[in-house]
Structures are given as structure tokens and as C-alpha cells.
Amino acid sequence: MRSTSANVCKKSPNMASLAEAADALKLANRDDGEPTSSGFIFREDITDNLCQETELLSMSHNTQSEFQLVQVVESAAFGKTLLLDHHTQSSAKDEFVYHESLVHPPMAAVGWALGTAGTAPSAKRAFVGGGGELATARELLQHKSFEEVVMVDLDKKVILSLCIVPLTSCMRII
């Protein structure tokens, strides 16, 4: 069974959560808005035997929705990152790996199924369940045949969080 958790720790004394680090992180940012070293490390336990650590530069959003804790942080390794209940969902520097592989292979399969493999896919409409960061919709809209892409997310606070504090590369809407 996979056990995951995320926490923030000061390089010397431990800190329990991202929320506790938010005020301290505000102090770590320069007046010109450029992040400086905060001294905080974001650690996410991926499995019982694997964790990921990176310097936490800032926290730009932290709210509890009806469904989950929604946070947007910036880390040295991954840039702006969406966290839901302390688990990484998407990050600006590597989200394309997930979203391109989520969209383009099925689009090729649609072409094969419709007998249009090797040419532009002829799908005209798509539905995205979830996807509040809009990156799946962005990838679908790269296919010129689409006339409509409908994206529905259960949690409006995820969408609002990302409209207020966009994940830079996720917002490259065509």
C-alpha cells in the first residue's frame, strides 16, 4: 500500500506543515518579487522507500475547499506546483510530460479508429473530467480539428486558485 505525505522542514529545526511556513516564506521574498532562498525544504514521501526534497521558495495560495486542501507553492526544482491535500498534482517545469502523454496517444488512436491515422485527427469535441489546471485542455486544443473542449472539475477552488495564481506553463492556452 502506497503511503504518501508532504511536509516542510526548516534546515535546522523541523516545521510541521506548509501552512506554518507560509508567513516565514513571505519574509524570504525580496521587494522586487524575485524569490530568494527561504531556508525551507519541501519533502514529499512518494513511497515508503522514496522521497523527494527541494527548496521551497514561496507559497502563493493556501485554502481549504469543501473537498481538499488546495495549495500553490514554488520550489527550486519544479517551479510553481499545485498540491492537493499535500500531494503534488502538477508542476510548471514538468507537467508537459504527463499531459502530452495523456492526450496525444489517445488522439492518435482516434485517428486510427476513424481511418485517418497519419493525418489530422477528426475529433471535434472532447470532455475533460478534472483538469482544473487546464493543461489537458491546452494539449487537446493543439489539435486544430476541435471545435469544443469542455472541462469540468469537482472543486471550483482548484480552478479559482489557478486563475488567481496561474501555473506558468500550464496557462499556455492556444
N, C-alpha and C. Protein backbone atom coordinates (compact mmCIF):
# COMPACT_ATOMS: atom_id res chain seq x y z
N MET A 1 0.83 -1.17 0.00
CA MET A 1 0.00 0.00 0.00
C MET A 1 0.88 1.24 0.00
N ARG A 2 0.58 2.17 -0.87
CA ARG A 2 1.36 3.39 -1.02
C ARG A 2 1.02 4.38 0.08
N SER A 3 2.02 4.87 0.74
CA SER A 3 1.83 5.86 1.79
C SER A 3 2.51 7.14 1.35
N THR A 4 1.75 8.22 1.23
CA THR A 4 2.36 9.47 0.82
C THR A 4 2.06 10.56 1.82
N SER A 5 2.99 11.45 1.94
CA SER A 5 2.78 12.62 2.78
C SER A 5 3.72 13.71 2.30
N ALA A 6 3.46 14.91 2.75
CA ALA A 6 4.32 16.03 2.39
C ALA A 6 4.49 16.89 3.61
N ASN A 7 5.67 17.45 3.76
CA ASN A 7 5.87 18.37 4.85
C ASN A 7 6.97 19.35 4.50
N VAL A 8 7.09 20.34 5.32
CA VAL A 8 8.12 21.35 5.16
C VAL A 8 8.97 21.33 6.40
N CYS A 9 10.27 21.40 6.22
CA CYS A 9 11.11 21.49 7.40
C CYS A 9 12.15 22.59 7.19
N LYS A 10 12.42 23.30 8.25
CA LYS A 10 13.49 24.29 8.25
C LYS A 10 14.77 23.49 8.21
N LYS A 11 15.81 24.04 7.65
CA LYS A 11 17.05 23.28 7.55
C LYS A 11 17.58 22.85 8.92
N SER A 12 17.30 23.62 9.95
CA SER A 12 17.71 23.18 11.29
C SER A 12 16.51 22.62 12.06
N PRO A 13 15.65 23.43 12.72
CA PRO A 13 14.51 22.83 13.41
C PRO A 13 13.42 22.41 12.44
N ASN A 14 12.67 21.36 12.79
CA ASN A 14 11.60 20.89 11.92
C ASN A 14 10.37 21.77 12.03
N MET A 15 9.64 21.88 10.93
CA MET A 15 8.35 22.56 10.89
C MET A 15 7.34 21.54 10.42
N ALA A 16 6.13 21.60 10.92
CA ALA A 16 5.16 20.54 10.68
C ALA A 16 4.47 20.62 9.33
N SER A 17 4.20 21.81 8.80
CA SER A 17 3.38 21.85 7.60
C SER A 17 3.69 23.03 6.72
N LEU A 18 3.20 22.96 5.50
CA LEU A 18 3.33 24.08 4.56
C LEU A 18 2.66 25.32 5.11
N ALA A 19 1.51 25.16 5.74
CA ALA A 19 0.77 26.31 6.25
C ALA A 19 1.60 27.06 7.29
N GLU A 20 2.32 26.36 8.15
CA GLU A 20 3.15 27.02 9.14
C GLU A 20 4.31 27.77 8.52
N ALA A 21 4.72 27.35 7.34
CA ALA A 21 5.85 28.00 6.68
C ALA A 21 5.43 29.22 5.87
N ALA A 22 4.14 29.40 5.60
CA ALA A 22 3.67 30.45 4.68
C ALA A 22 4.12 31.84 5.11
N ASP A 23 3.94 32.20 6.36
CA ASP A 23 4.33 33.54 6.81
C ASP A 23 5.84 33.74 6.72
N ALA A 24 6.59 32.73 7.11
CA ALA A 24 8.04 32.84 7.03
C ALA A 24 8.51 32.98 5.59
N LEU A 25 7.81 32.30 4.67
CA LEU A 25 8.19 32.39 3.26
C LEU A 25 7.95 33.78 2.70
N LYS A 26 6.90 34.45 3.15
CA LYS A 26 6.64 35.81 2.69
C LYS A 26 7.81 36.72 3.01
N LEU A 27 8.43 36.49 4.14
CA LEU A 27 9.59 37.29 4.54
C LEU A 27 10.81 36.99 3.70
N ALA A 28 10.85 35.79 3.09
CA ALA A 28 12.02 35.38 2.32
C ALA A 28 12.03 35.98 0.92
N ASN A 29 10.91 36.54 0.45
CA ASN A 29 10.86 37.12 -0.88
C ASN A 29 11.36 38.56 -0.86
N ARG A 30 12.11 38.93 -1.88
CA ARG A 30 12.63 40.28 -1.98
C ARG A 30 11.52 41.23 -2.38
N ASP A 31 11.75 42.53 -2.22
CA ASP A 31 10.77 43.54 -2.57
C ASP A 31 10.42 43.54 -4.06
N ASP A 32 11.36 43.13 -4.91
CA ASP A 32 11.10 43.13 -6.35
C ASP A 32 10.35 41.89 -6.82
N GLY A 33 9.94 41.03 -5.89
CA GLY A 33 9.15 39.85 -6.23
C GLY A 33 9.95 38.63 -6.60
N GLU A 34 11.26 38.77 -6.77
CA GLU A 34 12.10 37.63 -7.11
C GLU A 34 12.34 36.79 -5.86
N PRO A 35 12.12 35.47 -5.95
CA PRO A 35 12.32 34.64 -4.76
C PRO A 35 13.80 34.55 -4.39
N THR A 36 14.05 34.50 -3.12
CA THR A 36 15.39 34.27 -2.61
C THR A 36 15.35 32.97 -1.82
N SER A 37 16.47 32.55 -1.31
CA SER A 37 16.49 31.32 -0.53
C SER A 37 15.66 31.48 0.73
N SER A 38 14.73 30.55 0.95
CA SER A 38 13.86 30.62 2.12
C SER A 38 14.44 29.85 3.30
N GLY A 39 15.30 28.90 3.01
CA GLY A 39 15.80 28.04 4.07
C GLY A 39 14.86 26.89 4.40
N PHE A 40 13.74 26.77 3.66
CA PHE A 40 12.79 25.70 3.89
C PHE A 40 12.94 24.64 2.81
N ILE A 41 12.74 23.40 3.21
CA ILE A 41 12.80 22.27 2.28
C ILE A 41 11.41 21.66 2.21
N PHE A 42 10.90 21.45 0.99
CA PHE A 42 9.63 20.75 0.79
C PHE A 42 9.98 19.28 0.55
N ARG A 43 9.40 18.42 1.36
CA ARG A 43 9.66 16.99 1.25
C ARG A 43 8.34 16.28 1.00
N GLU A 44 8.32 15.44 -0.02
CA GLU A 44 7.14 14.64 -0.31
C GLU A 44 7.56 13.18 -0.34
N ASP A 45 6.92 12.37 0.51
CA ASP A 45 7.18 10.94 0.51
C ASP A 45 6.36 10.31 -0.60
N ILE A 46 7.04 9.78 -1.59
CA ILE A 46 6.37 9.18 -2.75
C ILE A 46 5.93 7.75 -2.42
N THR A 47 6.82 6.95 -1.86
CA THR A 47 6.52 5.61 -1.36
C THR A 47 7.21 5.47 -0.01
N ASP A 48 7.10 4.30 0.57
CA ASP A 48 7.79 4.07 1.84
C ASP A 48 9.30 4.18 1.69
N ASN A 49 9.82 3.93 0.49
CA ASN A 49 11.26 3.92 0.27
C ASN A 49 11.77 5.05 -0.62
N LEU A 50 10.89 5.99 -0.98
CA LEU A 50 11.30 7.06 -1.90
C LEU A 50 10.69 8.38 -1.47
N CYS A 51 11.53 9.39 -1.35
CA CYS A 51 11.03 10.73 -1.08
C CYS A 51 11.71 11.71 -2.02
N GLN A 52 11.11 12.85 -2.13
CA GLN A 52 11.63 13.90 -3.00
C GLN A 52 11.74 15.16 -2.15
N GLU A 53 12.88 15.84 -2.22
CA GLU A 53 13.07 17.07 -1.48
C GLU A 53 13.57 18.16 -2.41
N THR A 54 13.07 19.37 -2.20
CA THR A 54 13.52 20.52 -2.96
C THR A 54 13.33 21.77 -2.11
N GLU A 55 14.11 22.79 -2.39
CA GLU A 55 13.96 24.03 -1.64
C GLU A 55 12.62 24.67 -1.97
N LEU A 56 11.91 25.08 -0.94
CA LEU A 56 10.63 25.77 -1.09
C LEU A 56 10.89 27.26 -1.14
N LEU A 57 10.52 27.90 -2.25
CA LEU A 57 10.78 29.33 -2.42
C LEU A 57 9.63 30.20 -1.94
N SER A 58 8.40 29.77 -2.21
CA SER A 58 7.26 30.58 -1.79
C SER A 58 5.98 29.76 -1.80
N MET A 59 4.96 30.30 -1.15
CA MET A 59 3.61 29.74 -1.20
C MET A 59 2.69 30.88 -1.60
N SER A 60 2.03 30.73 -2.74
CA SER A 60 1.19 31.81 -3.24
C SER A 60 -0.30 31.56 -3.01
N HIS A 61 -0.66 30.34 -2.65
CA HIS A 61 -2.07 30.06 -2.40
C HIS A 61 -2.18 28.93 -1.39
N ASN A 62 -3.11 29.08 -0.44
CA ASN A 62 -3.30 28.07 0.60
C ASN A 62 -4.75 28.18 1.09
N THR A 63 -5.62 27.28 0.64
CA THR A 63 -7.02 27.34 1.06
C THR A 63 -7.60 25.94 1.20
N GLN A 64 -8.52 25.81 2.11
CA GLN A 64 -9.24 24.55 2.29
C GLN A 64 -10.57 24.66 1.55
N SER A 65 -10.80 23.78 0.60
CA SER A 65 -12.09 23.76 -0.10
C SER A 65 -13.02 22.78 0.61
N GLU A 66 -14.18 22.61 0.05
CA GLU A 66 -15.14 21.64 0.59
C GLU A 66 -14.58 20.22 0.48
N PHE A 67 -13.66 20.00 -0.48
CA PHE A 67 -13.18 18.65 -0.77
C PHE A 67 -11.74 18.37 -0.36
N GLN A 68 -10.88 19.42 -0.37
CA GLN A 68 -9.46 19.16 -0.20
C GLN A 68 -8.71 20.45 0.13
N LEU A 69 -7.47 20.30 0.58
CA LEU A 69 -6.59 21.43 0.79
C LEU A 69 -5.94 21.76 -0.55
N VAL A 70 -6.05 23.01 -0.98
CA VAL A 70 -5.52 23.45 -2.28
C VAL A 70 -4.38 24.43 -2.02
N GLN A 71 -3.19 24.09 -2.51
CA GLN A 71 -2.02 24.94 -2.31
C GLN A 71 -1.26 25.10 -3.61
N VAL A 72 -0.71 26.29 -3.81
CA VAL A 72 0.21 26.54 -4.92
C VAL A 72 1.50 27.02 -4.29
N VAL A 73 2.57 26.28 -4.53
CA VAL A 73 3.88 26.63 -3.99
C VAL A 73 4.86 26.77 -5.14
N GLU A 74 5.99 27.39 -4.87
CA GLU A 74 7.06 27.44 -5.86
C GLU A 74 8.28 26.79 -5.23
N SER A 75 8.83 25.82 -5.94
CA SER A 75 10.03 25.14 -5.45
C SER A 75 11.17 25.40 -6.42
N ALA A 76 12.38 25.24 -5.93
CA ALA A 76 13.57 25.47 -6.76
C ALA A 76 13.63 24.49 -7.92
N ALA A 77 13.25 23.25 -7.69
CA ALA A 77 13.38 22.22 -8.72
C ALA A 77 12.25 22.22 -9.73
N PHE A 78 11.02 22.50 -9.31
CA PHE A 78 9.87 22.30 -10.19
C PHE A 78 9.08 23.56 -10.50
N GLY A 79 9.46 24.70 -9.96
CA GLY A 79 8.71 25.92 -10.20
C GLY A 79 7.37 25.88 -9.49
N LYS A 80 6.38 26.59 -10.05
CA LYS A 80 5.04 26.62 -9.44
C LYS A 80 4.46 25.22 -9.48
N THR A 81 3.89 24.81 -8.35
CA THR A 81 3.39 23.45 -8.20
C THR A 81 2.03 23.47 -7.52
N LEU A 82 1.09 22.73 -8.09
CA LEU A 82 -0.23 22.56 -7.49
C LEU A 82 -0.19 21.35 -6.57
N LEU A 83 -0.60 21.55 -5.31
CA LEU A 83 -0.70 20.47 -4.33
C LEU A 83 -2.15 20.34 -3.90
N LEU A 84 -2.66 19.13 -3.88
CA LEU A 84 -3.98 18.85 -3.34
C LEU A 84 -3.79 17.89 -2.18
N ASP A 85 -4.24 18.30 -1.01
CA ASP A 85 -4.03 17.51 0.21
C ASP A 85 -2.56 17.12 0.37
N HIS A 86 -1.67 18.06 0.11
CA HIS A 86 -0.21 17.91 0.27
C HIS A 86 0.43 17.00 -0.77
N HIS A 87 -0.30 16.60 -1.80
CA HIS A 87 0.27 15.72 -2.83
C HIS A 87 0.41 16.49 -4.13
N THR A 88 1.57 16.41 -4.74
CA THR A 88 1.83 17.10 -5.99
C THR A 88 0.89 16.60 -7.07
N GLN A 89 0.24 17.54 -7.75
CA GLN A 89 -0.64 17.21 -8.87
C GLN A 89 -0.02 17.60 -10.20
N SER A 90 0.62 18.76 -10.22
CA SER A 90 1.16 19.29 -11.46
C SER A 90 2.20 20.34 -11.12
N SER A 91 3.27 20.40 -11.89
CA SER A 91 4.27 21.44 -11.67
C SER A 91 4.67 22.06 -13.00
N ALA A 92 5.00 23.33 -12.96
CA ALA A 92 5.25 24.09 -14.18
C ALA A 92 6.39 23.52 -15.02
N LYS A 93 7.43 22.99 -14.39
CA LYS A 93 8.60 22.54 -15.15
C LYS A 93 8.47 21.16 -15.77
N ASP A 94 7.53 20.34 -15.30
CA ASP A 94 7.46 19.00 -15.90
C ASP A 94 6.05 18.52 -16.21
N GLU A 95 5.05 19.38 -16.08
CA GLU A 95 3.67 18.94 -16.33
C GLU A 95 3.46 18.44 -17.75
N PHE A 96 4.22 18.99 -18.70
CA PHE A 96 4.04 18.61 -20.10
C PHE A 96 4.26 17.11 -20.32
N VAL A 97 5.13 16.49 -19.54
CA VAL A 97 5.39 15.05 -19.70
C VAL A 97 4.10 14.27 -19.48
N TYR A 98 3.40 14.58 -18.42
CA TYR A 98 2.15 13.90 -18.11
C TYR A 98 1.06 14.26 -19.11
N HIS A 99 0.85 15.55 -19.35
CA HIS A 99 -0.29 15.98 -20.15
C HIS A 99 -0.15 15.64 -21.64
N GLU A 100 1.06 15.71 -22.17
CA GLU A 100 1.24 15.30 -23.57
C GLU A 100 0.99 13.81 -23.73
N SER A 101 1.49 12.99 -22.79
CA SER A 101 1.28 11.54 -22.91
C SER A 101 -0.16 11.15 -22.58
N LEU A 102 -0.87 11.99 -21.87
CA LEU A 102 -2.28 11.73 -21.57
C LEU A 102 -3.15 11.98 -22.81
N VAL A 103 -2.80 12.98 -23.61
CA VAL A 103 -3.67 13.42 -24.70
C VAL A 103 -3.27 12.85 -26.06
N HIS A 104 -2.02 12.94 -26.43
CA HIS A 104 -1.64 12.65 -27.82
C HIS A 104 -1.74 11.17 -28.23
N PRO A 105 -1.36 10.19 -27.40
CA PRO A 105 -1.58 8.79 -27.81
C PRO A 105 -3.06 8.46 -28.05
N PRO A 106 -3.98 8.88 -27.16
CA PRO A 106 -5.39 8.61 -27.47
C PRO A 106 -5.86 9.33 -28.74
N MET A 107 -5.32 10.51 -28.99
CA MET A 107 -5.70 11.22 -30.22
C MET A 107 -5.23 10.45 -31.45
N ALA A 108 -4.06 9.85 -31.36
CA ALA A 108 -3.58 9.01 -32.48
C ALA A 108 -4.50 7.80 -32.63
N ALA A 109 -4.94 7.21 -31.52
CA ALA A 109 -5.86 6.06 -31.56
C ALA A 109 -7.19 6.47 -32.18
N VAL A 110 -7.66 7.67 -31.89
CA VAL A 110 -8.90 8.16 -32.52
C VAL A 110 -8.71 8.21 -34.03
N GLY A 111 -7.56 8.69 -34.48
CA GLY A 111 -7.27 8.74 -35.91
C GLY A 111 -7.27 7.35 -36.53
N TRP A 112 -6.67 6.39 -35.85
CA TRP A 112 -6.65 5.02 -36.37
C TRP A 112 -8.06 4.45 -36.43
N ALA A 113 -8.83 4.69 -35.37
CA ALA A 113 -10.19 4.15 -35.31
C ALA A 113 -11.07 4.76 -36.39
N LEU A 114 -10.83 6.02 -36.72
CA LEU A 114 -11.63 6.69 -37.74
C LEU A 114 -11.05 6.52 -39.14
N GLY A 115 -9.94 5.80 -39.23
CA GLY A 115 -9.31 5.60 -40.54
C GLY A 115 -8.55 6.80 -41.04
N THR A 116 -8.17 7.69 -40.12
CA THR A 116 -7.44 8.90 -40.53
C THR A 116 -6.04 8.93 -39.93
N ALA A 117 -5.49 7.77 -39.56
CA ALA A 117 -4.15 7.73 -38.97
C ALA A 117 -3.15 8.36 -39.93
N GLY A 118 -2.25 9.13 -39.38
CA GLY A 118 -1.24 9.81 -40.20
C GLY A 118 -1.72 11.16 -40.72
N THR A 119 -2.97 11.46 -40.54
CA THR A 119 -3.49 12.78 -40.92
C THR A 119 -4.04 13.44 -39.67
N ALA A 120 -4.53 14.63 -39.80
CA ALA A 120 -5.08 15.34 -38.65
C ALA A 120 -6.26 14.57 -38.07
N PRO A 121 -6.31 14.40 -36.76
CA PRO A 121 -7.46 13.71 -36.16
C PRO A 121 -8.74 14.48 -36.47
N SER A 122 -9.83 13.75 -36.62
CA SER A 122 -11.08 14.42 -36.99
C SER A 122 -12.04 14.56 -35.81
N ALA A 123 -11.57 14.30 -34.61
CA ALA A 123 -12.42 14.51 -33.44
C ALA A 123 -12.75 16.00 -33.34
N LYS A 124 -14.00 16.31 -33.03
CA LYS A 124 -14.43 17.70 -32.97
C LYS A 124 -14.77 18.17 -31.57
N ARG A 125 -15.07 17.24 -30.66
CA ARG A 125 -15.45 17.61 -29.30
C ARG A 125 -14.71 16.71 -28.31
N ALA A 126 -14.42 17.27 -27.14
CA ALA A 126 -13.77 16.48 -26.08
C ALA A 126 -14.30 16.92 -24.73
N PHE A 127 -14.33 15.97 -23.81
CA PHE A 127 -14.70 16.24 -22.43
C PHE A 127 -13.50 15.90 -21.55
N VAL A 128 -13.15 16.80 -20.63
CA VAL A 128 -12.07 16.57 -19.67
C VAL A 128 -12.69 16.57 -18.28
N GLY A 129 -12.65 15.43 -17.61
CA GLY A 129 -13.12 15.33 -16.24
C GLY A 129 -11.96 15.57 -15.30
N GLY A 130 -12.05 16.60 -14.49
CA GLY A 130 -10.91 17.04 -13.68
C GLY A 130 -10.11 18.01 -14.52
N GLY A 131 -8.88 18.19 -14.20
CA GLY A 131 -8.05 19.04 -15.06
C GLY A 131 -8.18 20.51 -14.78
N GLY A 132 -8.36 20.89 -13.52
CA GLY A 132 -8.54 22.29 -13.16
C GLY A 132 -7.40 23.18 -13.53
N GLU A 133 -6.21 22.62 -13.78
CA GLU A 133 -5.08 23.46 -14.17
C GLU A 133 -5.08 23.75 -15.67
N LEU A 134 -6.03 23.19 -16.41
CA LEU A 134 -6.26 23.46 -17.83
C LEU A 134 -5.21 22.90 -18.78
N ALA A 135 -4.23 22.16 -18.30
CA ALA A 135 -3.18 21.67 -19.18
C ALA A 135 -3.67 20.59 -20.14
N THR A 136 -4.60 19.74 -19.72
CA THR A 136 -5.15 18.73 -20.63
C THR A 136 -5.94 19.41 -21.74
N ALA A 137 -6.73 20.41 -21.39
CA ALA A 137 -7.47 21.17 -22.40
C ALA A 137 -6.50 21.87 -23.36
N ARG A 138 -5.42 22.41 -22.83
CA ARG A 138 -4.40 23.06 -23.67
C ARG A 138 -3.86 22.09 -24.71
N GLU A 139 -3.53 20.86 -24.28
CA GLU A 139 -3.00 19.87 -25.21
C GLU A 139 -4.03 19.46 -26.26
N LEU A 140 -5.29 19.29 -25.85
CA LEU A 140 -6.35 18.96 -26.81
C LEU A 140 -6.51 20.06 -27.85
N LEU A 141 -6.42 21.30 -27.41
CA LEU A 141 -6.62 22.43 -28.33
C LEU A 141 -5.47 22.61 -29.32
N GLN A 142 -4.39 21.85 -29.15
CA GLN A 142 -3.33 21.86 -30.16
C GLN A 142 -3.78 21.12 -31.42
N HIS A 143 -4.80 20.29 -31.29
CA HIS A 143 -5.37 19.60 -32.44
C HIS A 143 -6.41 20.52 -33.07
N LYS A 144 -6.16 20.99 -34.26
CA LYS A 144 -6.98 22.02 -34.91
C LYS A 144 -8.40 21.56 -35.22
N SER A 145 -8.65 20.26 -35.19
CA SER A 145 -9.99 19.77 -35.53
C SER A 145 -11.02 20.07 -34.44
N PHE A 146 -10.56 20.33 -33.23
CA PHE A 146 -11.51 20.53 -32.13
C PHE A 146 -12.28 21.83 -32.26
N GLU A 147 -13.59 21.69 -32.15
CA GLU A 147 -14.47 22.85 -32.14
C GLU A 147 -14.89 23.18 -30.71
N GLU A 148 -14.84 22.16 -29.83
CA GLU A 148 -15.28 22.37 -28.46
C GLU A 148 -14.54 21.44 -27.51
N VAL A 149 -14.03 21.99 -26.41
CA VAL A 149 -13.45 21.21 -25.33
C VAL A 149 -14.14 21.66 -24.05
N VAL A 150 -14.78 20.72 -23.37
CA VAL A 150 -15.48 21.03 -22.12
C VAL A 150 -14.67 20.43 -20.99
N MET A 151 -14.29 21.27 -20.02
CA MET A 151 -13.53 20.83 -18.87
C MET A 151 -14.40 21.04 -17.63
N VAL A 152 -14.56 19.99 -16.82
CA VAL A 152 -15.34 20.07 -15.59
C VAL A 152 -14.46 19.58 -14.45
N ASP A 153 -14.38 20.37 -13.39
CA ASP A 153 -13.65 19.97 -12.20
C ASP A 153 -14.59 20.01 -11.02
N LEU A 154 -14.53 19.01 -10.17
CA LEU A 154 -15.40 18.91 -9.00
C LEU A 154 -15.21 20.10 -8.05
N ASP A 155 -13.97 20.59 -7.97
CA ASP A 155 -13.62 21.58 -6.96
C ASP A 155 -13.35 22.94 -7.60
N LYS A 156 -14.30 23.87 -7.46
CA LYS A 156 -14.13 25.18 -8.07
C LYS A 156 -12.95 25.94 -7.46
N LYS A 157 -12.57 25.61 -6.24
CA LYS A 157 -11.43 26.32 -5.63
C LYS A 157 -10.11 25.96 -6.31
N VAL A 158 -10.02 24.78 -6.92
CA VAL A 158 -8.82 24.45 -7.68
C VAL A 158 -8.73 25.37 -8.89
N ILE A 159 -9.84 25.50 -9.60
CA ILE A 159 -9.86 26.36 -10.79
C ILE A 159 -9.62 27.81 -10.40
N LEU A 160 -10.30 28.29 -9.36
CA LEU A 160 -10.12 29.67 -8.92
C LEU A 160 -8.70 29.92 -8.44
N SER A 161 -8.10 28.95 -7.75
CA SER A 161 -6.73 29.11 -7.28
C SER A 161 -5.77 29.29 -8.44
N LEU A 162 -6.02 28.57 -9.50
CA LEU A 162 -5.11 28.62 -10.63
C LEU A 162 -5.39 29.82 -11.54
N CYS A 163 -6.59 30.36 -11.48
CA CYS A 163 -6.86 31.59 -12.22
C CYS A 163 -6.24 32.77 -11.50
N ILE A 164 -6.25 32.74 -10.17
CA ILE A 164 -5.66 33.81 -9.38
C ILE A 164 -4.14 33.71 -9.43
N VAL A 165 -3.61 32.51 -9.30
CA VAL A 165 -2.17 32.27 -9.27
C VAL A 165 -1.85 31.23 -10.34
N PRO A 166 -1.69 31.65 -11.60
CA PRO A 166 -1.51 30.67 -12.68
C PRO A 166 -0.20 29.89 -12.56
N LEU A 167 -0.28 28.61 -12.93
CA LEU A 167 0.91 27.80 -13.10
C LEU A 167 1.45 28.14 -14.48
N THR A 168 2.54 28.81 -14.55
CA THR A 168 3.02 29.47 -15.76
C THR A 168 2.89 28.64 -17.02
N SER A 169 3.51 27.47 -17.09
CA SER A 169 3.49 26.73 -18.35
C SER A 169 2.14 26.08 -18.61
N CYS A 170 1.34 25.88 -17.57
CA CYS A 170 0.02 25.29 -17.78
C CYS A 170 -0.92 26.27 -18.45
N MET A 171 -0.62 27.52 -18.39
CA MET A 171 -1.52 28.53 -18.91
C MET A 171 -1.18 28.96 -20.34
N ARG A 172 -0.39 28.18 -21.05
CA ARG A 172 -0.05 28.49 -22.43
C ARG A 172 -1.21 28.11 -23.34
N ILE A 173 -2.38 28.62 -23.08
CA ILE A 173 -3.56 28.27 -23.86
C ILE A 173 -3.40 28.84 -25.27
N ILE A 174 -3.77 28.04 -26.23
CA ILE A 174 -3.61 28.43 -27.64
C ILE A 174 -4.73 29.37 -28.03
